[in-house]
Amino acid sequence: MSHSLENGVLVITVHRDPGGCGKALLLTQISDLVYVHRPAPVVIVLEAPAAVGAALDVVLRVHRLCSGLRILMSVATGNAPARRALEAGADRSGVRLVIHARADTAITSTAFAAAA
């Protein structure tokens, strides 16, 4: 995992699936970043090896955290089945999870939405 700030957006890139054993650690690391950088909006980029299994579960849990904190959150992944799984599993009771196919689009639209 790596992270940066781009246009006022916290961009977290997950490079590979953490597996069952690393899921809790990844969730803790991302949650800590969200708390440290709040109220900055968040984009999680799932690279191809990370767009499966445990990483998807972590993204959905982070979305619930961001929704509770009223923080905008988007996800970017080129993996269409992963985008469908995230859409199906997203919490609909709070801030909507926006899912993009490209990271640059996700960052730009999230920064624009946060500024509006």
Protein backbone atom coordinates (compact mmCIF):
# COMPACT_ATOMS: atom_id res chain seq x y z
CA MET A 1 0.00 0.00 0.00
CA SER A 2 1.11 3.55 -0.68
CA HIS A 3 -0.54 6.94 -0.30
CA SER A 4 -0.24 10.55 -1.43
CA LEU A 5 -2.17 13.81 -1.42
CA GLU A 6 -3.24 14.99 -4.86
CA ASN A 7 -5.37 18.10 -5.35
CA GLY A 8 -6.47 17.91 -1.72
CA VAL A 9 -7.53 14.26 -2.10
CA LEU A 10 -6.01 11.43 -0.06
CA VAL A 11 -5.09 8.80 -2.65
CA ILE A 12 -4.44 5.33 -1.26
CA THR A 13 -3.13 2.72 -3.67
CA VAL A 14 -3.47 -0.94 -2.77
CA HIS A 15 -0.93 -2.89 -4.79
CA ARG A 16 -1.96 -6.44 -3.92
CA ASP A 17 -4.65 -8.35 -2.10
CA PRO A 18 -3.70 -8.70 1.57
CA GLY A 19 -5.28 -12.13 1.91
CA GLY A 20 -7.21 -13.16 4.98
CA CYS A 21 -4.26 -12.71 7.32
CA GLY A 22 -3.40 -9.20 6.16
CA LYS A 23 -6.94 -7.87 5.93
CA ALA A 24 -7.08 -6.44 9.47
CA LEU A 25 -3.69 -4.76 9.06
CA LEU A 26 -4.70 -3.15 5.75
CA LEU A 27 -7.97 -1.92 7.26
CA THR A 28 -6.11 -0.41 10.22
CA GLN A 29 -3.54 1.30 7.99
CA ILE A 30 -6.17 2.82 5.71
CA SER A 31 -8.43 3.82 8.61
CA ASP A 32 -5.51 5.56 10.32
CA LEU A 33 -4.77 7.52 7.12
CA VAL A 34 -8.43 8.54 6.80
CA TYR A 35 -8.48 9.84 10.39
CA VAL A 36 -5.17 11.70 10.04
CA HIS A 37 -6.15 13.42 6.78
CA ARG A 38 -9.83 14.10 7.48
CA PRO A 39 -11.80 15.93 6.23
CA ALA A 40 -9.91 15.32 2.96
CA PRO A 41 -11.86 13.18 0.50
CA VAL A 42 -10.46 9.70 -0.18
CA VAL A 43 -9.76 7.75 -3.35
CA ILE A 44 -8.72 4.13 -3.04
CA VAL A 45 -6.99 2.78 -6.13
CA LEU A 46 -7.04 -0.99 -6.46
CA GLU A 47 -4.32 -2.18 -8.80
CA ALA A 48 -5.09 -5.36 -10.76
CA PRO A 49 -3.62 -7.85 -8.23
CA ALA A 50 -5.58 -6.17 -5.42
CA ALA A 51 -8.99 -6.10 -7.08
CA VAL A 52 -10.17 -9.33 -5.46
CA GLY A 53 -11.20 -10.93 -2.19
CA ALA A 54 -10.00 -9.39 1.03
CA ALA A 55 -9.08 -6.02 -0.50
CA LEU A 56 -12.67 -5.55 -1.69
CA ASP A 57 -13.93 -6.30 1.82
CA VAL A 58 -11.51 -3.71 3.24
CA VAL A 59 -12.69 -1.08 0.75
CA LEU A 60 -16.32 -1.66 1.73
CA ARG A 61 -15.46 -1.34 5.43
CA VAL A 62 -13.49 1.85 4.79
CA HIS A 63 -16.49 3.19 2.89
CA ARG A 64 -18.68 2.64 5.95
CA LEU A 65 -16.08 4.49 8.05
CA CYS A 66 -15.91 7.40 5.58
CA SER A 67 -19.69 7.52 5.32
CA GLY A 68 -19.98 7.76 9.10
CA LEU A 69 -17.44 10.59 9.11
CA ARG A 70 -19.25 12.30 6.19
CA ILE A 71 -16.12 12.02 4.02
CA LEU A 72 -16.40 11.64 0.25
CA MET A 73 -14.87 8.40 -0.98
CA SER A 74 -14.27 6.97 -4.42
CA VAL A 75 -12.67 3.79 -5.69
CA ALA A 76 -10.77 3.26 -8.91
CA THR A 77 -10.10 -0.12 -10.46
CA GLY A 78 -9.84 -1.31 -14.01
CA ASN A 79 -11.35 -4.65 -13.01
CA ALA A 80 -15.02 -4.68 -14.08
CA PRO A 81 -16.05 -7.63 -11.85
CA ALA A 82 -14.51 -5.83 -8.87
CA ARG A 83 -16.43 -2.64 -9.72
CA ARG A 84 -19.68 -4.63 -9.86
CA ALA A 85 -18.91 -6.35 -6.54
CA LEU A 86 -18.17 -3.01 -4.88
CA GLU A 87 -21.37 -1.49 -6.27
CA ALA A 88 -23.40 -4.45 -4.99
CA GLY A 89 -21.81 -4.39 -1.53
CA ALA A 90 -21.70 -0.64 -0.93
CA ASP A 91 -23.55 0.84 2.04
CA ARG A 92 -26.40 2.94 0.68
CA SER A 93 -27.42 4.60 3.94
CA GLY A 94 -24.76 7.32 3.99
CA VAL A 95 -22.36 9.00 1.61
CA ARG A 96 -22.52 7.27 -1.76
CA LEU A 97 -19.51 5.21 -2.89
CA VAL A 98 -18.45 6.39 -6.35
CA ILE A 99 -16.65 3.79 -8.44
CA HIS A 100 -14.42 4.62 -11.41
CA ALA A 101 -12.45 2.60 -13.94
CA ARG A 102 -9.50 5.02 -13.93
CA ALA A 103 -7.56 6.59 -11.06
CA ASP A 104 -7.08 9.98 -12.74
CA THR A 105 -10.82 10.31 -13.31
CA ALA A 106 -11.55 9.31 -9.71
CA ILE A 107 -9.11 11.86 -8.29
CA THR A 108 -10.30 14.72 -10.49
CA SER A 109 -14.01 14.10 -9.93
CA THR A 110 -13.58 13.60 -6.18
CA ALA A 111 -11.59 16.84 -5.87
CA PHE A 112 -14.24 18.67 -7.89
CA ALA A 113 -17.11 17.23 -5.81
CA ALA A 114 -15.37 18.15 -2.56
CA ALA A 115 -14.84 21.73 -3.73
CA ALA A 116 -18.49 22.16 -4.73
